[in-house]
C-alpha atoms as a PDB file:
ATOM      1  CA  MET A   1     -14.384  12.231   4.009  1.00  0.00           C
ATOM      2  CA  ASP A   2     -11.473  11.541   1.663  1.00  0.00           C
ATOM      3  CA  TRP A   3     -12.177  12.473  -1.891  1.00  0.00           C
ATOM      4  CA  ARG A   4     -10.148  13.993  -4.706  1.00  0.00           C
ATOM      5  CA  PRO A   5     -11.058  17.012  -6.809  1.00  0.00           C
ATOM      6  CA  GLY A   6     -13.066  15.857  -9.801  1.00  0.00           C
ATOM      7  CA  LEU A   7     -14.628  12.942  -7.927  1.00  0.00           C
ATOM      8  CA  ARG A   8     -17.827  14.607  -7.052  1.00  0.00           C
ATOM      9  CA  SER A   9     -20.307  11.786  -6.826  1.00  0.00           C
ATOM     10  CA  LYS A  10     -20.392   8.999  -4.259  1.00  0.00           C
ATOM     11  CA  THR A  11     -19.980   6.446  -6.996  1.00  0.00           C
ATOM     12  CA  GLN A  12     -16.878   8.163  -8.337  1.00  0.00           C
ATOM     13  CA  ARG A  13     -15.371   8.312  -4.793  1.00  0.00           C
ATOM     14  CA  GLU A  14     -16.164   4.678  -4.193  1.00  0.00           C
ATOM     15  CA  SER A  15     -14.595   3.707  -7.502  1.00  0.00           C
ATOM     16  CA  TYR A  16     -11.516   5.651  -6.552  1.00  0.00           C
ATOM     17  CA  ALA A  17     -11.321   3.868  -3.179  1.00  0.00           C
ATOM     18  CA  MET A  18     -11.626   0.505  -4.884  1.00  0.00           C
ATOM     19  CA  ASN A  19      -8.396   1.085  -6.743  1.00  0.00           C
ATOM     20  CA  ARG A  20      -6.486   1.104  -3.541  1.00  0.00           C
ATOM     21  CA  VAL A  21      -4.911  -2.109  -2.234  1.00  0.00           C
ATOM     22  CA  ASN A  22      -3.419  -3.033   1.126  1.00  0.00           C
ATOM     23  CA  VAL A  23       0.335  -3.640   0.903  1.00  0.00           C
ATOM     24  CA  ALA A  24       3.237  -4.850   2.973  1.00  0.00           C
ATOM     25  CA  VAL A  25       6.614  -3.542   1.982  1.00  0.00           C
ATOM     26  CA  ALA A  26       9.627  -5.659   3.076  1.00  0.00           C
ATOM     27  CA  VAL A  27      12.811  -3.722   3.782  1.00  0.00           C
ATOM     28  CA  ALA A  28      16.155  -5.398   3.145  1.00  0.00           C
ATOM     29  CA  GLU A  29      17.985  -6.461   6.283  1.00  0.00           C
ATOM     30  CA  ASP A  30      20.978  -4.185   5.598  1.00  0.00           C
ATOM     31  CA  ALA A  31      18.595  -1.228   5.194  1.00  0.00           C
ATOM     32  CA  ARG A  32      16.546  -1.643   8.403  1.00  0.00           C
ATOM     33  CA  GLY A  33      18.517   1.011  10.189  1.00  0.00           C
ATOM     34  CA  ARG A  34      16.994   3.422   7.640  1.00  0.00           C
ATOM     35  CA  ILE A  35      13.429   2.009   7.784  1.00  0.00           C
ATOM     36  CA  HIS A  36      11.924   5.368   8.849  1.00  0.00           C
ATOM     37  CA  GLU A  37      13.652   7.136   5.884  1.00  0.00           C
ATOM     38  CA  ILE A  38      12.405   4.371   3.594  1.00  0.00           C
ATOM     39  CA  ALA A  39       8.901   4.830   4.983  1.00  0.00           C
ATOM     40  CA  ALA A  40       9.057   8.527   4.240  1.00  0.00           C
ATOM     41  CA  ALA A  41      10.191   7.868   0.670  1.00  0.00           C
ATOM     42  CA  CYS A  42       7.326   5.431   0.182  1.00  0.00           C
ATOM     43  CA  ARG A  43       4.842   7.944   1.581  1.00  0.00           C
ATOM     44  CA  ALA A  44       6.179  10.549  -0.910  1.00  0.00           C
ATOM     45  CA  LEU A  45       5.325   8.105  -3.671  1.00  0.00           C
ATOM     46  CA  GLY A  46       1.720   7.632  -2.520  1.00  0.00           C
ATOM     47  CA  LEU A  47       1.804   5.005   0.263  1.00  0.00           C
ATOM     48  CA  HIS A  48      -0.757   5.681   2.937  1.00  0.00           C
ATOM     49  CA  HIS A  49       1.458   4.354   5.691  1.00  0.00           C
ATOM     50  CA  ASP A  50      -0.305   2.637   8.597  1.00  0.00           C
ATOM     51  CA  ALA A  51       2.471   0.923  10.543  1.00  0.00           C
ATOM     52  CA  THR A  52       6.217   0.338  10.760  1.00  0.00           C
ATOM     53  CA  LEU A  53       7.310  -3.065  12.067  1.00  0.00           C
ATOM     54  CA  ALA A  54      10.964  -2.182  12.582  1.00  0.00           C
ATOM     55  CA  GLN A  55      11.973  -5.444  14.233  1.00  0.00           C
ATOM     56  CA  VAL A  56      11.033  -7.450  11.127  1.00  0.00           C
ATOM     57  CA  GLY A  57      11.568  -4.778   8.556  1.00  0.00           C
ATOM     58  CA  VAL A  58       8.025  -4.357   7.240  1.00  0.00           C
ATOM     59  CA  LEU A  59       5.948  -1.304   6.383  1.00  0.00           C
ATOM     60  CA  THR A  60       2.186  -1.651   6.015  1.00  0.00           C
ATOM     61  CA  GLY A  61      -0.373   0.580   4.383  1.00  0.00           C
ATOM     62  CA  SER A  62      -2.379   1.052   1.221  1.00  0.00           C
ATOM     63  CA  MET A  63      -1.661   2.465  -2.188  1.00  0.00           C
ATOM     64  CA  GLU A  64      -3.171   2.922  -5.623  1.00  0.00           C
ATOM     65  CA  CYS A  65      -2.720  -0.194  -7.753  1.00  0.00           C
ATOM     66  CA  ASP A  66      -1.272   1.780 -10.610  1.00  0.00           C
ATOM     67  CA  ASP A  67       1.365   3.359  -8.368  1.00  0.00           C
ATOM     68  CA  LEU A  68       2.782   0.179  -6.793  1.00  0.00           C
ATOM     69  CA  VAL A  69       5.605  -0.095  -9.273  1.00  0.00           C
ATOM     70  CA  LYS A  70       6.965   3.201  -7.977  1.00  0.00           C
ATOM     71  CA  LEU A  71       7.973   1.597  -4.653  1.00  0.00           C
ATOM     72  CA  TRP A  72      10.652  -0.439  -6.412  1.00  0.00           C
ATOM     73  CA  ALA A  73      12.582   2.828  -7.018  1.00  0.00           C
ATOM     74  CA  VAL A  74      13.125   3.200  -3.228  1.00  0.00           C
ATOM     75  CA  PRO A  75      16.566   1.884  -2.212  1.00  0.00           C
ATOM     76  CA  GLY A  76      16.162  -0.805   0.462  1.00  0.00           C
ATOM     77  CA  VAL A  77      12.753  -2.082  -0.736  1.00  0.00           C
ATOM     78  CA  LEU A  78      13.157  -5.860  -0.943  1.00  0.00           C
ATOM     79  CA  ALA A  79       9.617  -7.010  -1.712  1.00  0.00           C
ATOM     80  CA  ILE A  80       6.087  -5.740  -2.030  1.00  0.00           C
ATOM     81  CA  GLU A  81       3.143  -7.915  -1.061  1.00  0.00           C
ATOM     82  CA  VAL A  82      -0.359  -7.042  -2.087  1.00  0.00           C
ATOM     83  CA  GLU A  83      -3.371  -8.275  -0.087  1.00  0.00           C
ATOM     84  CA  CYS A  84      -5.629 -10.234  -2.435  1.00  0.00           C
ATOM     85  CA  GLY A  85      -9.158 -11.227  -1.499  1.00  0.00           C
ATOM     86  CA  PHE A  86     -10.761 -14.012  -3.368  1.00  0.00           C
ATOM     87  CA  ARG A  87     -14.276 -15.440  -3.585  1.00  0.00           C
ATOM     88  CA  TRP A  88     -14.988 -19.080  -2.934  1.00  0.00           C
ATOM     89  CA  GLY A  89     -18.295 -20.717  -3.938  1.00  0.00           C
ATOM     90  CA  THR A  90     -21.465 -18.821  -4.237  1.00  0.00           C
ATOM     91  CA  THR A  91     -21.682 -17.183  -0.810  1.00  0.00           C
ATOM     92  CA  GLY A  92     -20.042 -14.013  -2.036  1.00  0.00           C
ATOM     93  CA  ARG A  93     -17.917 -13.788   1.118  1.00  0.00           C
ATOM     94  CA  THR A  94     -14.341 -12.584   0.695  1.00  0.00           C
ATOM     95  CA  HIS A  95     -11.790 -14.893   2.325  1.00  0.00           C
END
């Protein structure tokens, strides 16, 4: 179980988890030869790195919402896309 010191209750841990978002980080074409170094730099800033799509220059993973801005400091990061779920109608299903 992943929990941080100070987050002792299940509710606190779930709240912590809800602050994470799935992200895709686009790497500039001229920096793709360094994609593994860029991935390491992103991990050092808090990215929980899931996959490297080297052919297209994309890193995927999750990160705390408040820390997303830190990724812009990594040379070679071209764009950051955040997965956004939304609710439609009254079914309560996320699309």
